Amino acid sequence: MKTLLTIKTDKELKETAQEVAGELGFPLGTLVNAYLRQIVHTRMVAFRAPLVPNEKTARMLRKRLADAKAGRNMVGPFSTTAEQNAWLDR
């Protein structure tokens, strides 16, 4: 027997979720049901947040990326791990 589940959610979230579900080839209801089954089966709810670096780390990453694109501050490649370790020990 089927039943109706009514939830409140942000309109934009629903619309975006429907778009993503459509891109994956599923109706949104199918994905919601699959998630509910997973919760029942595992007895767990997993929340994942994207890894977002803090500003200091983001600044460092941007600098390293710029260096790599410009060919600056590059080392290697190393032929062996011993060669790499020798360079690291300097």
PDB file of N, CA and C in Angstrom:
ATOM      1  N   MET A   1       0.834  -1.178   0.000  1.00  0.00           N
ATOM      2  CA  MET A   1       0.000   0.000   0.000  1.00  0.00           C
ATOM      3  C   MET A   1       0.883   1.246   0.000  1.00  0.00           C
ATOM      4  N   LYS A   2       0.565   2.206  -0.800  1.00  0.00           N
ATOM      5  CA  LYS A   2       1.310   3.461  -0.883  1.00  0.00           C
ATOM      6  C   LYS A   2       0.644   4.500   0.001  1.00  0.00           C
ATOM      7  N   THR A   3       1.452   5.467   0.455  1.00  0.00           N
ATOM      8  CA  THR A   3       0.929   6.581   1.236  1.00  0.00           C
ATOM      9  C   THR A   3       1.594   7.854   0.749  1.00  0.00           C
ATOM     10  N   LEU A   4       1.058   8.967   1.095  1.00  0.00           N
ATOM     11  CA  LEU A   4       1.568  10.251   0.668  1.00  0.00           C
ATOM     12  C   LEU A   4       2.394  10.859   1.795  1.00  0.00           C
ATOM     13  N   LEU A   5       3.593  11.318   1.478  1.00  0.00           N
ATOM     14  CA  LEU A   5       4.468  11.986   2.439  1.00  0.00           C
ATOM     15  C   LEU A   5       4.536  13.454   2.043  1.00  0.00           C
ATOM     16  N   THR A   6       4.122  14.325   2.931  1.00  0.00           N
ATOM     17  CA  THR A   6       4.150  15.759   2.666  1.00  0.00           C
ATOM     18  C   THR A   6       5.211  16.386   3.554  1.00  0.00           C
ATOM     19  N   ILE A   7       6.131  17.085   2.924  1.00  0.00           N
ATOM     20  CA  ILE A   7       7.180  17.762   3.695  1.00  0.00           C
ATOM     21  C   ILE A   7       7.263  19.209   3.231  1.00  0.00           C
ATOM     22  N   LYS A   8       7.807  20.044   4.080  1.00  0.00           N
ATOM     23  CA  LYS A   8       8.043  21.432   3.711  1.00  0.00           C
ATOM     24  C   LYS A   8       9.534  21.573   3.400  1.00  0.00           C
ATOM     25  N   THR A   9       9.805  22.205   2.276  1.00  0.00           N
ATOM     26  CA  THR A   9      11.182  22.456   1.894  1.00  0.00           C
ATOM     27  C   THR A   9      11.238  23.754   1.108  1.00  0.00           C
ATOM     28  N   ASP A  10      12.395  24.300   0.991  1.00  0.00           N
ATOM     29  CA  ASP A  10      12.608  25.524   0.240  1.00  0.00           C
ATOM     30  C   ASP A  10      12.272  25.291  -1.235  1.00  0.00           C
ATOM     31  N   LYS A  11      11.549  26.210  -1.839  1.00  0.00           N
ATOM     32  CA  LYS A  11      11.112  26.071  -3.228  1.00  0.00           C
ATOM     33  C   LYS A  11      12.300  25.887  -4.173  1.00  0.00           C
ATOM     34  N   GLU A  12      13.327  26.713  -3.998  1.00  0.00           N
ATOM     35  CA  GLU A  12      14.507  26.621  -4.872  1.00  0.00           C
ATOM     36  C   GLU A  12      15.211  25.275  -4.704  1.00  0.00           C
ATOM     37  N   LEU A  13      15.284  24.773  -3.471  1.00  0.00           N
ATOM     38  CA  LEU A  13      15.899  23.474  -3.215  1.00  0.00           C
ATOM     39  C   LEU A  13      15.133  22.373  -3.945  1.00  0.00           C
ATOM     40  N   LYS A  14      13.811  22.415  -3.847  1.00  0.00           N
ATOM     41  CA  LYS A  14      12.988  21.414  -4.517  1.00  0.00           C
ATOM     42  C   LYS A  14      13.200  21.455  -6.026  1.00  0.00           C
ATOM     43  N   GLU A  15      13.168  22.662  -6.596  1.00  0.00           N
ATOM     44  CA  GLU A  15      13.321  22.790  -8.042  1.00  0.00           C
ATOM     45  C   GLU A  15      14.696  22.307  -8.504  1.00  0.00           C
ATOM     46  N   THR A  16      15.732  22.674  -7.768  1.00  0.00           N
ATOM     47  CA  THR A  16      17.079  22.236  -8.121  1.00  0.00           C
ATOM     48  C   THR A  16      17.217  20.730  -7.972  1.00  0.00           C
ATOM     49  N   ALA A  17      16.652  20.170  -6.916  1.00  0.00           N
ATOM     50  CA  ALA A  17      16.681  18.717  -6.704  1.00  0.00           C
ATOM     51  C   ALA A  17      15.952  17.993  -7.835  1.00  0.00           C
ATOM     52  N   GLN A  18      14.837  18.561  -8.284  1.00  0.00           N
ATOM     53  CA  GLN A  18      14.102  17.955  -9.393  1.00  0.00           C
ATOM     54  C   GLN A  18      14.936  17.986 -10.672  1.00  0.00           C
ATOM     55  N   GLU A  19      15.655  19.074 -10.894  1.00  0.00           N
ATOM     56  CA  GLU A  19      16.521  19.172 -12.074  1.00  0.00           C
ATOM     57  C   GLU A  19      17.628  18.126 -12.024  1.00  0.00           C
ATOM     58  N   VAL A  20      18.273  18.018 -10.871  1.00  0.00           N
ATOM     59  CA  VAL A  20      19.362  17.042 -10.718  1.00  0.00           C
ATOM     60  C   VAL A  20      18.822  15.631 -10.886  1.00  0.00           C
ATOM     61  N   ALA A  21      17.703  15.344 -10.256  1.00  0.00           N
ATOM     62  CA  ALA A  21      17.093  14.015 -10.388  1.00  0.00           C
ATOM     63  C   ALA A  21      16.792  13.723 -11.849  1.00  0.00           C
ATOM     64  N   GLY A  22      16.251  14.709 -12.570  1.00  0.00           N
ATOM     65  CA  GLY A  22      15.966  14.540 -13.987  1.00  0.00           C
ATOM     66  C   GLY A  22      17.216  14.276 -14.799  1.00  0.00           C
ATOM     67  N   GLU A  23      18.306  14.994 -14.478  1.00  0.00           N
ATOM     68  CA  GLU A  23      19.582  14.777 -15.172  1.00  0.00           C
ATOM     69  C   GLU A  23      20.087  13.354 -14.938  1.00  0.00           C
ATOM     70  N   LEU A  24      19.794  12.821 -13.749  1.00  0.00           N
ATOM     71  CA  LEU A  24      20.202  11.452 -13.421  1.00  0.00           C
ATOM     72  C   LEU A  24      19.229  10.420 -13.996  1.00  0.00           C
ATOM     73  N   GLY A  25      18.095  10.905 -14.527  1.00  0.00           N
ATOM     74  CA  GLY A  25      17.127  10.012 -15.133  1.00  0.00           C
ATOM     75  C   GLY A  25      16.099   9.440 -14.167  1.00  0.00           C
ATOM     76  N   PHE A  26      15.878  10.124 -13.048  1.00  0.00           N
ATOM     77  CA  PHE A  26      14.931   9.642 -12.047  1.00  0.00           C
ATOM     78  C   PHE A  26      13.937  10.741 -11.693  1.00  0.00           C
ATOM     79  N   PRO A  27      12.714  10.346 -11.339  1.00  0.00           N
ATOM     80  CA  PRO A  27      11.827  11.324 -10.702  1.00  0.00           C
ATOM     81  C   PRO A  27      12.327  11.574  -9.279  1.00  0.00           C
ATOM     82  N   LEU A  28      12.095  12.765  -8.774  1.00  0.00           N
ATOM     83  CA  LEU A  28      12.554  13.108  -7.429  1.00  0.00           C
ATOM     84  C   LEU A  28      11.999  12.149  -6.389  1.00  0.00           C
ATOM     85  N   GLY A  29      10.745  11.738  -6.516  1.00  0.00           N
ATOM     86  CA  GLY A  29      10.134  10.818  -5.559  1.00  0.00           C
ATOM     87  C   GLY A  29      10.887   9.501  -5.457  1.00  0.00           C
ATOM     88  N   THR A  30      11.424   9.023  -6.572  1.00  0.00           N
ATOM     89  CA  THR A  30      12.192   7.771  -6.559  1.00  0.00           C
ATOM     90  C   THR A  30      13.448   7.925  -5.719  1.00  0.00           C
ATOM     91  N   LEU A  31      14.121   9.063  -5.857  1.00  0.00           N
ATOM     92  CA  LEU A  31      15.343   9.286  -5.070  1.00  0.00           C
ATOM     93  C   LEU A  31      15.030   9.457  -3.589  1.00  0.00           C
ATOM     94  N   VAL A  32      13.938  10.150  -3.278  1.00  0.00           N
ATOM     95  CA  VAL A  32      13.541  10.315  -1.874  1.00  0.00           C
ATOM     96  C   VAL A  32      13.221   8.950  -1.268  1.00  0.00           C
ATOM     97  N   ASN A  33      12.482   8.113  -2.001  1.00  0.00           N
ATOM     98  CA  ASN A  33      12.170   6.763  -1.510  1.00  0.00           C
ATOM     99  C   ASN A  33      13.430   5.932  -1.315  1.00  0.00           C
ATOM    100  N   ALA A  34      14.383   6.043  -2.232  1.00  0.00           N
ATOM    101  CA  ALA A  34      15.639   5.295  -2.095  1.00  0.00           C
ATOM    102  C   ALA A  34      16.381   5.746  -0.833  1.00  0.00           C
ATOM    103  N   TYR A  35      16.381   7.066  -0.567  1.00  0.00           N
ATOM    104  CA  TYR A  35      17.048   7.569   0.629  1.00  0.00           C
ATOM    105  C   TYR A  35      16.337   7.084   1.896  1.00  0.00           C
ATOM    106  N   LEU A  36      15.018   7.086   1.887  1.00  0.00           N
ATOM    107  CA  LEU A  36      14.275   6.584   3.047  1.00  0.00           C
ATOM    108  C   LEU A  36      14.581   5.104   3.289  1.00  0.00           C
ATOM    109  N   ARG A  37      14.657   4.309   2.211  1.00  0.00           N
ATOM    110  CA  ARG A  37      15.003   2.885   2.363  1.00  0.00           C
ATOM    111  C   ARG A  37      16.405   2.718   2.953  1.00  0.00           C
ATOM    112  N   GLN A  38      17.329   3.573   2.499  1.00  0.00           N
ATOM    113  CA  GLN A  38      18.701   3.507   3.018  1.00  0.00           C
ATOM    114  C   GLN A  38      18.719   3.812   4.522  1.00  0.00           C
ATOM    115  N   ILE A  39      17.959   4.809   4.951  1.00  0.00           N
ATOM    116  CA  ILE A  39      17.885   5.147   6.374  1.00  0.00           C
ATOM    117  C   ILE A  39      17.356   3.954   7.171  1.00  0.00           C
ATOM    118  N   VAL A  40      16.295   3.326   6.668  1.00  0.00           N
ATOM    119  CA  VAL A  40      15.710   2.174   7.361  1.00  0.00           C
ATOM    120  C   VAL A  40      16.710   1.026   7.413  1.00  0.00           C
ATOM    121  N   HIS A  41      17.396   0.776   6.298  1.00  0.00           N
ATOM    122  CA  HIS A  41      18.325  -0.361   6.220  1.00  0.00           C
ATOM    123  C   HIS A  41      19.566  -0.158   7.103  1.00  0.00           C
ATOM    124  N   THR A  42      20.156   1.024   7.046  1.00  0.00           N
ATOM    125  CA  THR A  42      21.418   1.262   7.763  1.00  0.00           C
ATOM    126  C   THR A  42      21.224   1.822   9.169  1.00  0.00           C
ATOM    127  N   ARG A  43      20.020   2.353   9.430  1.00  0.00           N
ATOM    128  CA  ARG A  43      19.741   3.015  10.708  1.00  0.00           C
ATOM    129  C   ARG A  43      20.694   4.187  10.939  1.00  0.00           C
ATOM    130  N   MET A  44      21.085   4.830   9.835  1.00  0.00           N
ATOM    131  CA  MET A  44      22.004   5.971   9.914  1.00  0.00           C
ATOM    132  C   MET A  44      21.536   7.055   8.954  1.00  0.00           C
ATOM    133  N   VAL A  45      21.884   8.285   9.305  1.00  0.00           N
ATOM    134  CA  VAL A  45      21.686   9.419   8.410  1.00  0.00           C
ATOM    135  C   VAL A  45      23.054  10.047   8.218  1.00  0.00           C
ATOM    136  N   ALA A  46      23.496  10.101   6.978  1.00  0.00           N
ATOM    137  CA  ALA A  46      24.818  10.650   6.683  1.00  0.00           C
ATOM    138  C   ALA A  46      24.673  12.048   6.092  1.00  0.00           C
ATOM    139  N   PHE A  47      25.345  12.991   6.694  1.00  0.00           N
ATOM    140  CA  PHE A  47      25.387  14.351   6.173  1.00  0.00           C
ATOM    141  C   PHE A  47      26.790  14.609   5.674  1.00  0.00           C
ATOM    142  N   ARG A  48      26.866  15.109   4.473  1.00  0.00           N
ATOM    143  CA  ARG A  48      28.176  15.433   3.918  1.00  0.00           C
ATOM    144  C   ARG A  48      28.176  16.889   3.507  1.00  0.00           C
ATOM    145  N   ALA A  49      29.196  17.567   3.914  1.00  0.00           N
ATOM    146  CA  ALA A  49      29.360  18.956   3.506  1.00  0.00           C
ATOM    147  C   ALA A  49      30.602  19.028   2.627  1.00  0.00           C
ATOM    148  N   PRO A  50      30.568  19.857   1.609  1.00  0.00           N
ATOM    149  CA  PRO A  50      31.756  19.971   0.767  1.00  0.00           C
ATOM    150  C   PRO A  50      32.918  20.533   1.575  1.00  0.00           C
ATOM    151  N   LEU A  51      34.097  20.080   1.268  1.00  0.00           N
ATOM    152  CA  LEU A  51      35.279  20.593   1.945  1.00  0.00           C
ATOM    153  C   LEU A  51      35.596  21.970   1.384  1.00  0.00           C
ATOM    154  N   VAL A  52      35.515  22.959   2.233  1.00  0.00           N
ATOM    155  CA  VAL A  52      35.782  24.327   1.819  1.00  0.00           C
ATOM    156  C   VAL A  52      36.947  24.831   2.652  1.00  0.00           C
ATOM    157  N   PRO A  53      38.055  25.183   1.995  1.00  0.00           N
ATOM    158  CA  PRO A  53      39.206  25.651   2.770  1.00  0.00           C
ATOM    159  C   PRO A  53      38.927  27.020   3.391  1.00  0.00           C
ATOM    160  N   ASN A  54      39.582  27.255   4.533  1.00  0.00           N
ATOM    161  CA  ASN A  54      39.462  28.586   5.122  1.00  0.00           C
ATOM    162  C   ASN A  54      40.235  29.565   4.235  1.00  0.00           C
ATOM    163  N   GLU A  55      40.124  30.852   4.514  1.00  0.00           N
ATOM    164  CA  GLU A  55      40.706  31.863   3.623  1.00  0.00           C
ATOM    165  C   GLU A  55      42.225  31.733   3.508  1.00  0.00           C
ATOM    166  N   LYS A  56      42.912  31.438   4.614  1.00  0.00           N
ATOM    167  CA  LYS A  56      44.375  31.298   4.572  1.00  0.00           C
ATOM    168  C   LYS A  56      44.769  30.142   3.646  1.00  0.00           C
ATOM    169  N   THR A  57      44.107  29.012   3.786  1.00  0.00           N
ATOM    170  CA  THR A  57      44.411  27.855   2.949  1.00  0.00           C
ATOM    171  C   THR A  57      44.039  28.126   1.496  1.00  0.00           C
ATOM    172  N   ALA A  58      42.899  28.769   1.263  1.00  0.00           N
ATOM    173  CA  ALA A  58      42.473  29.095  -0.103  1.00  0.00           C
ATOM    174  C   ALA A  58      43.486  30.008  -0.774  1.00  0.00           C
ATOM    175  N   ARG A  59      44.001  30.993  -0.038  1.00  0.00           N
ATOM    176  CA  ARG A  59      45.011  31.911  -0.576  1.00  0.00           C
ATOM    177  C   ARG A  59      46.275  31.140  -0.953  1.00  0.00           C
ATOM    178  N   MET A  60      46.695  30.229  -0.067  1.00  0.00           N
ATOM    179  CA  MET A  60      47.885  29.421  -0.333  1.00  0.00           C
ATOM    180  C   MET A  60      47.674  28.538  -1.570  1.00  0.00           C
ATOM    181  N   LEU A  61      46.492  27.923  -1.686  1.00  0.00           N
ATOM    182  CA  LEU A  61      46.206  27.072  -2.837  1.00  0.00           C
ATOM    183  C   LEU A  61      46.200  27.867  -4.139  1.00  0.00           C
ATOM    184  N   ARG A  62      45.630  29.082  -4.100  1.00  0.00           N
ATOM    185  CA  ARG A  62      45.629  29.927  -5.305  1.00  0.00           C
ATOM    186  C   ARG A  62      47.049  30.279  -5.722  1.00  0.00           C
ATOM    187  N   LYS A  63      47.908  30.572  -4.741  1.00  0.00           N
ATOM    188  CA  LYS A  63      49.306  30.903  -5.044  1.00  0.00           C
ATOM    189  C   LYS A  63      50.023  29.697  -5.646  1.00  0.00           C
ATOM    190  N   ARG A  64      49.834  28.524  -5.057  1.00  0.00           N
ATOM    191  CA  ARG A  64      50.488  27.319  -5.567  1.00  0.00           C
ATOM    192  C   ARG A  64      50.007  26.979  -6.976  1.00  0.00           C
ATOM    193  N   LEU A  65      48.717  27.184  -7.231  1.00  0.00           N
ATOM    194  CA  LEU A  65      48.177  26.920  -8.564  1.00  0.00           C
ATOM    195  C   LEU A  65      48.773  27.889  -9.582  1.00  0.00           C
ATOM    196  N   ALA A  66      48.873  29.164  -9.193  1.00  0.00           N
ATOM    197  CA  ALA A  66      49.489  30.156 -10.078  1.00  0.00           C
ATOM    198  C   ALA A  66      50.947  29.792 -10.344  1.00  0.00           C
ATOM    199  N   ASP A  67      51.674  29.369  -9.301  1.00  0.00           N
ATOM    200  CA  ASP A  67      53.067  28.936  -9.482  1.00  0.00           C
ATOM    201  C   ASP A  67      53.153  27.753 -10.444  1.00  0.00           C
ATOM    202  N   ALA A  68      52.277  26.777 -10.284  1.00  0.00           N
ATOM    203  CA  ALA A  68      52.311  25.593 -11.143  1.00  0.00           C
ATOM    204  C   ALA A  68      52.031  25.974 -12.591  1.00  0.00           C
ATOM    205  N   LYS A  69      51.049  26.863 -12.809  1.00  0.00           N
ATOM    206  CA  LYS A  69      50.726  27.287 -14.181  1.00  0.00           C
ATOM    207  C   LYS A  69      51.881  28.047 -14.818  1.00  0.00           C
ATOM    208  N   ALA A  70      52.625  28.795 -13.990  1.00  0.00           N
ATOM    209  CA  ALA A  70      53.758  29.573 -14.496  1.00  0.00           C
ATOM    210  C   ALA A  70      55.055  28.776 -14.498  1.00  0.00           C
ATOM    211  N   GLY A  71      55.028  27.557 -13.994  1.00  0.00           N
ATOM    212  CA  GLY A  71      56.235  26.728 -13.951  1.00  0.00           C
ATOM    213  C   GLY A  71      57.240  27.160 -12.897  1.00  0.00           C
ATOM    214  N   ARG A  72      56.773  27.876 -11.889  1.00  0.00           N
ATOM    215  CA  ARG A  72      57.650  28.340 -10.807  1.00  0.00           C
ATOM    216  C   ARG A  72      57.582  27.389  -9.621  1.00  0.00           C
ATOM    217  N   ASN A  73      58.689  27.347  -8.860  1.00  0.00           N
ATOM    218  CA  ASN A  73      58.746  26.582  -7.610  1.00  0.00           C
ATOM    219  C   ASN A  73      58.403  25.113  -7.806  1.00  0.00           C
ATOM    220  N   MET A  74      58.814  24.561  -8.932  1.00  0.00           N
ATOM    221  CA  MET A  74      58.520  23.167  -9.231  1.00  0.00           C
ATOM    222  C   MET A  74      59.753  22.310  -8.915  1.00  0.00           C
ATOM    223  N   VAL A  75      59.526  21.114  -8.447  1.00  0.00           N
ATOM    224  CA  VAL A  75      60.601  20.147  -8.208  1.00  0.00           C
ATOM    225  C   VAL A  75      60.195  18.823  -8.842  1.00  0.00           C
ATOM    226  N   GLY A  76      61.198  17.974  -9.030  1.00  0.00           N
ATOM    227  CA  GLY A  76      60.898  16.678  -9.637  1.00  0.00           C
ATOM    228  C   GLY A  76      60.753  16.830 -11.135  1.00  0.00           C
ATOM    229  N   PRO A  77      60.317  15.798 -11.797  1.00  0.00           N
ATOM    230  CA  PRO A  77      59.888  14.525 -11.232  1.00  0.00           C
ATOM    231  C   PRO A  77      61.075  13.714 -10.730  1.00  0.00           C
ATOM    232  N   PHE A  78      60.797  12.806  -9.834  1.00  0.00           N
ATOM    233  CA  PHE A  78      61.818  11.949  -9.264  1.00  0.00           C
ATOM    234  C   PHE A  78      61.706  10.564  -9.892  1.00  0.00           C
ATOM    235  N   SER A  79      62.857   9.928 -10.109  1.00  0.00           N
ATOM    236  CA  SER A  79      62.865   8.590 -10.708  1.00  0.00           C
ATOM    237  C   SER A  79      62.579   7.504  -9.677  1.00  0.00           C
ATOM    238  N   THR A  80      62.959   7.765  -8.431  1.00  0.00           N
ATOM    239  CA  THR A  80      62.759   6.768  -7.378  1.00  0.00           C
ATOM    240  C   THR A  80      62.279   7.456  -6.110  1.00  0.00           C
ATOM    241  N   THR A  81      61.728   6.681  -5.212  1.00  0.00           N
ATOM    242  CA  THR A  81      61.327   7.252  -3.922  1.00  0.00           C
ATOM    243  C   THR A  81      62.555   7.665  -3.117  1.00  0.00           C
ATOM    244  N   ALA A  82      63.659   6.955  -3.293  1.00  0.00           N
ATOM    245  CA  ALA A  82      64.896   7.322  -2.595  1.00  0.00           C
ATOM    246  C   ALA A  82      65.351   8.714  -3.034  1.00  0.00           C
ATOM    247  N   GLU A  83      65.249   8.987  -4.331  1.00  0.00           N
ATOM    248  CA  GLU A  83      65.619  10.301  -4.852  1.00  0.00           C
ATOM    249  C   GLU A  83      64.698  11.381  -4.268  1.00  0.00           C
ATOM    250  N   GLN A  84      63.414  11.069  -4.193  1.00  0.00           N
ATOM    251  CA  GLN A  84      62.464  12.011  -3.604  1.00  0.00           C
ATOM    252  C   GLN A  84      62.779  12.237  -2.137  1.00  0.00           C
ATOM    253  N   ASN A  85      63.017  11.172  -1.401  1.00  0.00           N
ATOM    254  CA  ASN A  85      63.305  11.294   0.029  1.00  0.00           C
ATOM    255  C   ASN A  85      64.588  12.071   0.271  1.00  0.00           C
ATOM    256  N   ALA A  86      65.589  11.871  -0.571  1.00  0.00           N
ATOM    257  CA  ALA A  86      66.843  12.632  -0.437  1.00  0.00           C
ATOM    258  C   ALA A  86      66.584  14.115  -0.624  1.00  0.00           C
ATOM    259  N   TRP A  87      65.721  14.459  -1.618  1.00  0.00           N
ATOM    260  CA  TRP A  87      65.392  15.861  -1.830  1.00  0.00           C
ATOM    261  C   TRP A  87      64.636  16.421  -0.624  1.00  0.00           C
ATOM    262  N   LEU A  88      63.703  15.647  -0.085  1.00  0.00           N
ATOM    263  CA  LEU A  88      62.936  16.100   1.071  1.00  0.00           C
ATOM    264  C   LEU A  88      63.813  16.270   2.310  1.00  0.00           C
ATOM    265  N   ASP A  89      64.837  15.455   2.456  1.00  0.00           N
ATOM    266  CA  ASP A  89      65.713  15.517   3.627  1.00  0.00           C
ATOM    267  C   ASP A  89      66.691  16.689   3.567  1.00  0.00           C
ATOM    268  N   ARG A  90      66.829  17.349   2.417  1.00  0.00           N
ATOM    269  CA  ARG A  90      67.766  18.466   2.289  1.00  0.00           C
ATOM    270  C   ARG A  90      67.350  19.636   3.124  1.00  0.00           C
TER     271      ARG A  90
END
